[in-house]
């Protein structure tokens, strides 16, 4: 990456300002002042700005976060704090949520700067399963197990939801696994059955389960096995 672009991204300034800072001898690479904005920054370079080290990012990044209530999954929101508040990583602003949760929903959020990887999670074509713990206001009718498996007619939707697996845990709590990501789907499925979701917590996306050691607001990097578990889209598998 050109030094000018690298400094621009790291400092979150325009390239013109980045170029000015470089020419002002404020940037060193491996201990030497570099004034050439076209210098190619390599992964092993030690870059400093005004004596402060800047991290040269090597490859895409993948994290899981245990999201608390009150935070939104967008990267910028004028009214609410975002999940990036918890991420203490260089250039955290480049990360985005691969599959969002509502502001009042807690649990597993995957964050990455790999657009293709997140597309495999969010694209309706891939039918990636997601599992939620659900608490509702009224007792759960045991017949919902079969009704959810058959598909639910949501308000203002033409097609039934895809078959979902409902496991009743107690009178007002259940675990629900769906393979779609319709707008407020879990809440709307229970609402269509005359019940109201009072609490919602995502446990799993595909084969990636929320680490039970993560407290609310805590995060960790995904393992390579977890990253690879998302897999390739079916259309790409067929080409190989």
C-alpha atoms as a PDB file:
ATOM      1  CA  UNK A   1       0.000   0.000   0.000  1.00  0.00           C
ATOM      2  CA  UNK A   2       1.238   3.515  -0.799  1.00  0.00           C
ATOM      3  CA  UNK A   3       2.458   5.368   2.286  1.00  0.00           C
ATOM      4  CA  UNK A   4       0.111   8.251   1.557  1.00  0.00           C
ATOM      5  CA  UNK A   5      -2.913   5.926   1.580  1.00  0.00           C
ATOM      6  CA  UNK A   6      -1.680   4.095   4.668  1.00  0.00           C
ATOM      7  CA  UNK A   7      -1.264   7.311   6.679  1.00  0.00           C
ATOM      8  CA  UNK A   8      -4.623   8.578   5.432  1.00  0.00           C
ATOM      9  CA  UNK A   9      -6.373   5.446   6.707  1.00  0.00           C
ATOM     10  CA  UNK A  10      -4.489   5.258   9.988  1.00  0.00           C
ATOM     11  CA  UNK A  11      -5.068   8.897  10.927  1.00  0.00           C
ATOM     12  CA  UNK A  12      -8.527   9.082   9.318  1.00  0.00           C
ATOM     13  CA  UNK A  13      -7.557  12.161   7.318  1.00  0.00           C
ATOM     14  CA  UNK A  14      -7.597  13.030   3.627  1.00  0.00           C
ATOM     15  CA  UNK A  15      -4.733  11.919   1.402  1.00  0.00           C
ATOM     16  CA  UNK A  16      -3.801  15.569   0.899  1.00  0.00           C
ATOM     17  CA  UNK A  17      -3.307  16.009   4.645  1.00  0.00           C
ATOM     18  CA  UNK A  18      -1.476  12.671   4.837  1.00  0.00           C
ATOM     19  CA  UNK A  19       0.896  13.833   2.096  1.00  0.00           C
ATOM     20  CA  UNK A  20       1.546  17.078   3.948  1.00  0.00           C
ATOM     21  CA  UNK A  21       2.410  15.193   7.155  1.00  0.00           C
ATOM     22  CA  UNK A  22       4.787  12.924   5.236  1.00  0.00           C
ATOM     23  CA  UNK A  23       6.570  15.877   3.637  1.00  0.00           C
ATOM     24  CA  UNK A  24       6.816  17.494   7.101  1.00  0.00           C
ATOM     25  CA  UNK A  25       9.104  14.595   8.135  1.00  0.00           C
ATOM     26  CA  UNK A  26       6.624  13.289  10.711  1.00  0.00           C
ATOM     27  CA  UNK A  27       6.676   9.722   9.381  1.00  0.00           C
ATOM     28  CA  UNK A  28       9.474   7.224   9.927  1.00  0.00           C
ATOM     29  CA  UNK A  29       9.758   3.699   8.577  1.00  0.00           C
ATOM     30  CA  UNK A  30      12.136   1.312  10.280  1.00  0.00           C
ATOM     31  CA  UNK A  31      13.664   4.269  12.098  1.00  0.00           C
ATOM     32  CA  UNK A  32      14.293   6.390   8.985  1.00  0.00           C
ATOM     33  CA  UNK A  33      12.354   9.475   7.910  1.00  0.00           C
ATOM     34  CA  UNK A  34      10.476   8.839   4.664  1.00  0.00           C
ATOM     35  CA  UNK A  35       9.164  11.788   2.639  1.00  0.00           C
ATOM     36  CA  UNK A  36       8.089   9.830  -0.437  1.00  0.00           C
ATOM     37  CA  UNK A  37       4.277   9.512  -0.409  1.00  0.00           C
ATOM     38  CA  UNK A  38       4.512   6.735  -3.020  1.00  0.00           C
ATOM     39  CA  UNK A  39       6.686   4.534  -0.799  1.00  0.00           C
ATOM     40  CA  UNK A  40       5.218   0.992  -0.697  1.00  0.00           C
ATOM     41  CA  UNK A  41       4.519  -0.007   2.905  1.00  0.00           C
ATOM     42  CA  UNK A  42       5.305  -3.694   3.519  1.00  0.00           C
ATOM     43  CA  UNK A  43       3.828  -5.957   6.231  1.00  0.00           C
ATOM     44  CA  UNK A  44       7.162  -6.091   8.098  1.00  0.00           C
ATOM     45  CA  UNK A  45       7.713  -2.311   8.100  1.00  0.00           C
ATOM     46  CA  UNK A  46       7.710  -0.495  11.449  1.00  0.00           C
ATOM     47  CA  UNK A  47       5.863   2.744  10.748  1.00  0.00           C
ATOM     48  CA  UNK A  48       5.705   5.629  13.236  1.00  0.00           C
ATOM     49  CA  UNK A  49       3.888   8.965  13.074  1.00  0.00           C
ATOM     50  CA  UNK A  50       5.180  11.687  15.380  1.00  0.00           C
ATOM     51  CA  UNK A  51       6.915   8.979  17.396  1.00  0.00           C
ATOM     52  CA  UNK A  52       3.766   6.856  17.756  1.00  0.00           C
ATOM     53  CA  UNK A  53       3.797   3.374  16.198  1.00  0.00           C
ATOM     54  CA  UNK A  54       1.205   2.570  13.538  1.00  0.00           C
ATOM     55  CA  UNK A  55       0.207  -1.019  12.897  1.00  0.00           C
ATOM     56  CA  UNK A  56       0.547  -2.405   9.383  1.00  0.00           C
ATOM     57  CA  UNK A  57      -2.509  -4.611   8.976  1.00  0.00           C
ATOM     58  CA  UNK A  58      -1.791  -8.079   7.631  1.00  0.00           C
ATOM     59  CA  UNK A  59      -4.783  -9.708   6.016  1.00  0.00           C
ATOM     60  CA  UNK A  60      -8.479  -9.614   6.934  1.00  0.00           C
ATOM     61  CA  UNK A  61      -9.649  -9.722  10.552  1.00  0.00           C
ATOM     62  CA  UNK A  62     -12.434 -11.704  12.207  1.00  0.00           C
ATOM     63  CA  UNK A  63     -13.860 -11.268  15.716  1.00  0.00           C
ATOM     64  CA  UNK A  64     -16.786 -12.434  17.813  1.00  0.00           C
ATOM     65  CA  UNK A  65     -18.415 -10.044  20.287  1.00  0.00           C
ATOM     66  CA  UNK A  66     -20.890 -10.714  23.078  1.00  0.00           C
ATOM     67  CA  UNK A  67     -23.178  -7.753  22.413  1.00  0.00           C
ATOM     68  CA  UNK A  68     -25.034  -6.162  25.340  1.00  0.00           C
ATOM     69  CA  UNK A  69     -28.328  -4.308  25.082  1.00  0.00           C
ATOM     70  CA  UNK A  70     -28.316  -0.668  24.072  1.00  0.00           C
ATOM     71  CA  UNK A  71     -25.790  -0.870  21.244  1.00  0.00           C
ATOM     72  CA  UNK A  72     -26.434  -0.897  17.503  1.00  0.00           C
ATOM     73  CA  UNK A  73     -24.566  -2.979  14.937  1.00  0.00           C
ATOM     74  CA  UNK A  74     -24.091  -0.201  12.405  1.00  0.00           C
ATOM     75  CA  UNK A  75     -20.630   1.334  12.283  1.00  0.00           C
ATOM     76  CA  UNK A  76     -21.911   4.901  12.639  1.00  0.00           C
ATOM     77  CA  UNK A  77     -25.084   6.078  14.364  1.00  0.00           C
ATOM     78  CA  UNK A  78     -25.862   9.641  15.480  1.00  0.00           C
ATOM     79  CA  UNK A  79     -28.262   8.551  18.228  1.00  0.00           C
ATOM     80  CA  UNK A  80     -26.888   5.336  19.733  1.00  0.00           C
ATOM     81  CA  UNK A  81     -23.483   3.869  20.645  1.00  0.00           C
ATOM     82  CA  UNK A  82     -22.246   1.195  18.245  1.00  0.00           C
ATOM     83  CA  UNK A  83     -20.658  -2.197  18.889  1.00  0.00           C
ATOM     84  CA  UNK A  84     -17.324  -0.780  17.699  1.00  0.00           C
ATOM     85  CA  UNK A  85     -17.134   0.953  21.086  1.00  0.00           C
ATOM     86  CA  UNK A  86     -15.879  -2.344  22.525  1.00  0.00           C
ATOM     87  CA  UNK A  87     -13.266  -3.109  19.863  1.00  0.00           C
ATOM     88  CA  UNK A  88      -9.769  -2.048  20.889  1.00  0.00           C
ATOM     89  CA  UNK A  89      -7.980  -2.782  17.619  1.00  0.00           C
ATOM     90  CA  UNK A  90      -6.064  -0.639  15.101  1.00  0.00           C
ATOM     91  CA  UNK A  91      -8.381   0.870  12.474  1.00  0.00           C
ATOM     92  CA  UNK A  92     -11.435  -0.628  14.199  1.00  0.00           C
ATOM     93  CA  UNK A  93     -13.589   1.711  12.108  1.00  0.00           C
ATOM     94  CA  UNK A  94     -12.965  -0.560   9.111  1.00  0.00           C
ATOM     95  CA  UNK A  95     -14.807  -3.452  10.756  1.00  0.00           C
ATOM     96  CA  UNK A  96     -18.490  -4.149  10.167  1.00  0.00           C
ATOM     97  CA  UNK A  97     -21.033  -6.553  11.615  1.00  0.00           C
ATOM     98  CA  UNK A  98     -21.693  -9.661   9.524  1.00  0.00           C
ATOM     99  CA  UNK A  99     -25.356 -10.051  10.404  1.00  0.00           C
ATOM    100  CA  UNK A 100     -26.861  -7.415  12.658  1.00  0.00           C
ATOM    101  CA  UNK A 101     -28.799  -7.610  15.913  1.00  0.00           C
ATOM    102  CA  UNK A 102     -31.477  -5.191  17.117  1.00  0.00           C
ATOM    103  CA  UNK A 103     -30.486  -2.655  19.760  1.00  0.00           C
ATOM    104  CA  UNK A 104     -32.302  -4.642  22.475  1.00  0.00           C
ATOM    105  CA  UNK A 105     -31.013  -8.074  21.352  1.00  0.00           C
ATOM    106  CA  UNK A 106     -27.903  -9.518  22.976  1.00  0.00           C
ATOM    107  CA  UNK A 107     -25.373 -12.179  22.076  1.00  0.00           C
ATOM    108  CA  UNK A 108     -23.170 -13.225  19.194  1.00  0.00           C
ATOM    109  CA  UNK A 109     -22.075 -10.601  16.681  1.00  0.00           C
ATOM    110  CA  UNK A 110     -19.368 -11.355  14.116  1.00  0.00           C
ATOM    111  CA  UNK A 111     -17.176  -8.444  13.050  1.00  0.00           C
ATOM    112  CA  UNK A 112     -14.859  -8.398  10.052  1.00  0.00           C
ATOM    113  CA  UNK A 113     -13.321  -6.269   7.324  1.00  0.00           C
ATOM    114  CA  UNK A 114     -13.707  -9.121   4.815  1.00  0.00           C
ATOM    115  CA  UNK A 115     -16.706  -8.238   2.658  1.00  0.00           C
ATOM    116  CA  UNK A 116     -16.892 -11.565   0.825  1.00  0.00           C
ATOM    117  CA  UNK A 117     -16.824 -13.509   4.092  1.00  0.00           C
ATOM    118  CA  UNK A 118     -19.620 -11.446   5.624  1.00  0.00           C
ATOM    119  CA  UNK A 119     -21.676 -11.832   2.443  1.00  0.00           C
ATOM    120  CA  UNK A 120     -21.687 -15.609   2.951  1.00  0.00           C
ATOM    121  CA  UNK A 121     -23.290 -14.982   6.342  1.00  0.00           C
ATOM    122  CA  UNK A 122     -25.873 -12.413   5.310  1.00  0.00           C
ATOM    123  CA  UNK A 123     -26.872 -13.579   1.823  1.00  0.00           C
ATOM    124  CA  UNK A 124     -30.327 -15.260   1.782  1.00  0.00           C
ATOM    125  CA  UNK A 125     -28.999 -17.750  -0.797  1.00  0.00           C
ATOM    126  CA  UNK A 126     -26.783 -19.504   1.737  1.00  0.00           C
ATOM    127  CA  UNK A 127     -29.475 -20.274   4.374  1.00  0.00           C
ATOM    128  CA  UNK A 128     -26.971 -20.113   7.216  1.00  0.00           C
ATOM    129  CA  UNK A 129     -28.547 -21.299  10.460  1.00  0.00           C
ATOM    130  CA  UNK A 130     -28.774 -18.961  13.458  1.00  0.00           C
ATOM    131  CA  UNK A 131     -29.842 -20.040  16.942  1.00  0.00           C
ATOM    132  CA  UNK A 132     -31.496 -17.786  19.539  1.00  0.00           C
ATOM    133  CA  UNK A 133     -32.567 -18.052  23.156  1.00  0.00           C
ATOM    134  CA  UNK A 134     -36.037 -16.536  23.366  1.00  0.00           C
ATOM    135  CA  UNK A 135     -38.056 -15.351  26.361  1.00  0.00           C
ATOM    136  CA  UNK A 136     -41.724 -14.516  25.817  1.00  0.00           C
ATOM    137  CA  UNK A 137     -44.506 -12.927  27.858  1.00  0.00           C
ATOM    138  CA  UNK A 138     -47.096 -15.721  27.572  1.00  0.00           C
ATOM    139  CA  UNK A 139     -46.730 -19.499  28.036  1.00  0.00           C
ATOM    140  CA  UNK A 140     -45.491 -21.222  24.870  1.00  0.00           C
ATOM    141  CA  UNK A 141     -48.042 -23.459  23.174  1.00  0.00           C
ATOM    142  CA  UNK A 142     -46.404 -26.889  22.510  1.00  0.00           C
ATOM    143  CA  UNK A 143     -48.119 -26.874  19.095  1.00  0.00           C
ATOM    144  CA  UNK A 144     -45.692 -24.130  18.013  1.00  0.00           C
ATOM    145  CA  UNK A 145     -43.020 -26.794  17.509  1.00  0.00           C
ATOM    146  CA  UNK A 146     -44.936 -28.206  14.541  1.00  0.00           C
ATOM    147  CA  UNK A 147     -46.186 -24.831  13.368  1.00  0.00           C
ATOM    148  CA  UNK A 148     -42.680 -23.361  13.237  1.00  0.00           C
ATOM    149  CA  UNK A 149     -41.422 -26.494  11.454  1.00  0.00           C
ATOM    150  CA  UNK A 150     -44.128 -26.051   8.806  1.00  0.00           C
ATOM    151  CA  UNK A 151     -43.448 -22.336   8.266  1.00  0.00           C
ATOM    152  CA  UNK A 152     -45.144 -19.236   9.644  1.00  0.00           C
ATOM    153  CA  UNK A 153     -47.110 -16.602   7.752  1.00  0.00           C
ATOM    154  CA  UNK A 154     -45.686 -13.245   8.768  1.00  0.00           C
ATOM    155  CA  UNK A 155     -47.630  -9.998   8.487  1.00  0.00           C
ATOM    156  CA  UNK A 156     -47.134  -8.332   5.076  1.00  0.00           C
ATOM    157  CA  UNK A 157     -45.085 -11.290   3.756  1.00  0.00           C
ATOM    158  CA  UNK A 158     -46.093 -13.369   0.723  1.00  0.00           C
ATOM    159  CA  UNK A 159     -44.153 -16.534   1.529  1.00  0.00           C
ATOM    160  CA  UNK A 160     -44.087 -18.627   4.677  1.00  0.00           C
ATOM    161  CA  UNK A 161     -40.896 -18.641   6.699  1.00  0.00           C
ATOM    162  CA  UNK A 162     -38.578 -21.554   6.034  1.00  0.00           C
ATOM    163  CA  UNK A 163     -38.855 -24.494   8.453  1.00  0.00           C
ATOM    164  CA  UNK A 164     -37.520 -23.564  11.888  1.00  0.00           C
ATOM    165  CA  UNK A 165     -36.589 -25.737  14.853  1.00  0.00           C
ATOM    166  CA  UNK A 166     -38.205 -24.774  18.171  1.00  0.00           C
ATOM    167  CA  UNK A 167     -37.044 -26.359  21.421  1.00  0.00           C
ATOM    168  CA  UNK A 168     -39.219 -25.411  24.395  1.00  0.00           C
ATOM    169  CA  UNK A 169     -37.033 -24.974  27.488  1.00  0.00           C
ATOM    170  CA  UNK A 170     -39.692 -23.985  30.004  1.00  0.00           C
ATOM    171  CA  UNK A 171     -43.070 -22.286  30.116  1.00  0.00           C
ATOM    172  CA  UNK A 172     -41.855 -18.968  28.725  1.00  0.00           C
ATOM    173  CA  UNK A 173     -38.441 -19.760  27.224  1.00  0.00           C
ATOM    174  CA  UNK A 174     -37.292 -21.569  24.102  1.00  0.00           C
ATOM    175  CA  UNK A 175     -34.391 -22.052  21.741  1.00  0.00           C
ATOM    176  CA  UNK A 176     -35.161 -21.262  18.103  1.00  0.00           C
ATOM    177  CA  UNK A 177     -33.023 -22.077  15.048  1.00  0.00           C
ATOM    178  CA  UNK A 178     -33.840 -20.335  11.769  1.00  0.00           C
ATOM    179  CA  UNK A 179     -32.113 -20.318   8.386  1.00  0.00           C
ATOM    180  CA  UNK A 180     -33.262 -16.896   7.173  1.00  0.00           C
ATOM    181  CA  UNK A 181     -32.679 -13.317   8.205  1.00  0.00           C
ATOM    182  CA  UNK A 182     -35.945 -11.533   7.595  1.00  0.00           C
ATOM    183  CA  UNK A 183     -36.559  -8.213   9.321  1.00  0.00           C
ATOM    184  CA  UNK A 184     -37.199  -8.835  13.059  1.00  0.00           C
ATOM    185  CA  UNK A 185     -37.980 -12.428  12.091  1.00  0.00           C
ATOM    186  CA  UNK A 186     -37.918 -14.131  15.495  1.00  0.00           C
ATOM    187  CA  UNK A 187     -40.062 -11.441  17.115  1.00  0.00           C
ATOM    188  CA  UNK A 188     -42.517 -11.491  14.206  1.00  0.00           C
ATOM    189  CA  UNK A 189     -42.804 -15.297  14.234  1.00  0.00           C
ATOM    190  CA  UNK A 190     -43.905 -15.297  17.860  1.00  0.00           C
ATOM    191  CA  UNK A 191     -46.108 -12.241  17.302  1.00  0.00           C
ATOM    192  CA  UNK A 192     -47.885 -14.133  14.494  1.00  0.00           C
ATOM    193  CA  UNK A 193     -48.718 -16.781  17.111  1.00  0.00           C
ATOM    194  CA  UNK A 194     -50.089 -14.250  19.582  1.00  0.00           C
ATOM    195  CA  UNK A 195     -47.038 -13.984  21.817  1.00  0.00           C
ATOM    196  CA  UNK A 196     -44.528 -11.220  22.501  1.00  0.00           C
ATOM    197  CA  UNK A 197     -40.751 -11.642  22.735  1.00  0.00           C
ATOM    198  CA  UNK A 198     -39.445  -9.988  25.899  1.00  0.00           C
ATOM    199  CA  UNK A 199     -35.775 -10.970  25.539  1.00  0.00           C
ATOM    200  CA  UNK A 200     -33.673 -12.292  22.655  1.00  0.00           C
ATOM    201  CA  UNK A 201     -30.106 -13.613  22.716  1.00  0.00           C
ATOM    202  CA  UNK A 202     -28.190 -15.024  19.731  1.00  0.00           C
ATOM    203  CA  UNK A 203     -26.090 -18.089  20.562  1.00  0.00           C
ATOM    204  CA  UNK A 204     -24.851 -19.330  17.214  1.00  0.00           C
ATOM    205  CA  UNK A 205     -24.244 -18.414  13.560  1.00  0.00           C
ATOM    206  CA  UNK A 206     -23.555 -21.456  11.391  1.00  0.00           C
ATOM    207  CA  UNK A 207     -20.985 -23.515  13.295  1.00  0.00           C
ATOM    208  CA  UNK A 208     -19.704 -20.525  15.262  1.00  0.00           C
ATOM    209  CA  UNK A 209     -21.002 -20.502  18.837  1.00  0.00           C
ATOM    210  CA  UNK A 210     -20.703 -17.605  21.260  1.00  0.00           C
ATOM    211  CA  UNK A 211     -17.777 -18.268  23.578  1.00  0.00           C
ATOM    212  CA  UNK A 212     -19.226 -18.829  27.049  1.00  0.00           C
ATOM    213  CA  UNK A 213     -16.129 -17.219  28.574  1.00  0.00           C
ATOM    214  CA  UNK A 214     -16.956 -13.848  26.986  1.00  0.00           C
ATOM    215  CA  UNK A 215     -18.796 -11.450  29.255  1.00  0.00           C
ATOM    216  CA  UNK A 216     -21.085  -8.772  27.838  1.00  0.00           C
ATOM    217  CA  UNK A 217     -19.038  -6.318  25.798  1.00  0.00           C
ATOM    218  CA  UNK A 218     -16.072  -8.675  25.544  1.00  0.00           C
ATOM    219  CA  UNK A 219     -14.679 -10.000  22.264  1.00  0.00           C
ATOM    220  CA  UNK A 220     -11.991 -12.255  20.843  1.00  0.00           C
ATOM    221  CA  UNK A 221     -10.490 -13.171  17.500  1.00  0.00           C
ATOM    222  CA  UNK A 222     -12.058 -16.094  15.671  1.00  0.00           C
ATOM    223  CA  UNK A 223      -9.969 -19.208  15.272  1.00  0.00           C
ATOM    224  CA  UNK A 224      -9.000 -20.210  11.748  1.00  0.00           C
ATOM    225  CA  UNK A 225     -11.354 -23.174  12.067  1.00  0.00           C
ATOM    226  CA  UNK A 226     -14.239 -20.843  12.918  1.00  0.00           C
ATOM    227  CA  UNK A 227     -13.412 -18.558   9.989  1.00  0.00           C
ATOM    228  CA  UNK A 228     -13.203 -21.501   7.588  1.00  0.00           C
ATOM    229  CA  UNK A 229     -16.468 -22.997   8.883  1.00  0.00           C
ATOM    230  CA  UNK A 230     -18.479 -20.355   7.039  1.00  0.00           C
ATOM    231  CA  UNK A 231     -17.318 -22.014   3.821  1.00  0.00           C
ATOM    232  CA  UNK A 232     -17.677 -21.019   0.209  1.00  0.00           C
ATOM    233  CA  UNK A 233     -20.948 -20.065  -1.478  1.00  0.00           C
ATOM    234  CA  UNK A 234     -22.509 -22.984  -3.346  1.00  0.00           C
ATOM    235  CA  UNK A 235     -21.954 -21.328  -6.714  1.00  0.00           C
ATOM    236  CA  UNK A 236     -18.209 -21.098  -6.059  1.00  0.00           C
ATOM    237  CA  UNK A 237     -18.034 -24.690  -4.826  1.00  0.00           C
ATOM    238  CA  UNK A 238     -19.559 -25.843  -8.115  1.00  0.00           C
ATOM    239  CA  UNK A 239     -16.862 -24.022 -10.122  1.00  0.00           C
ATOM    240  CA  UNK A 240     -14.043 -25.821  -8.311  1.00  0.00           C
END
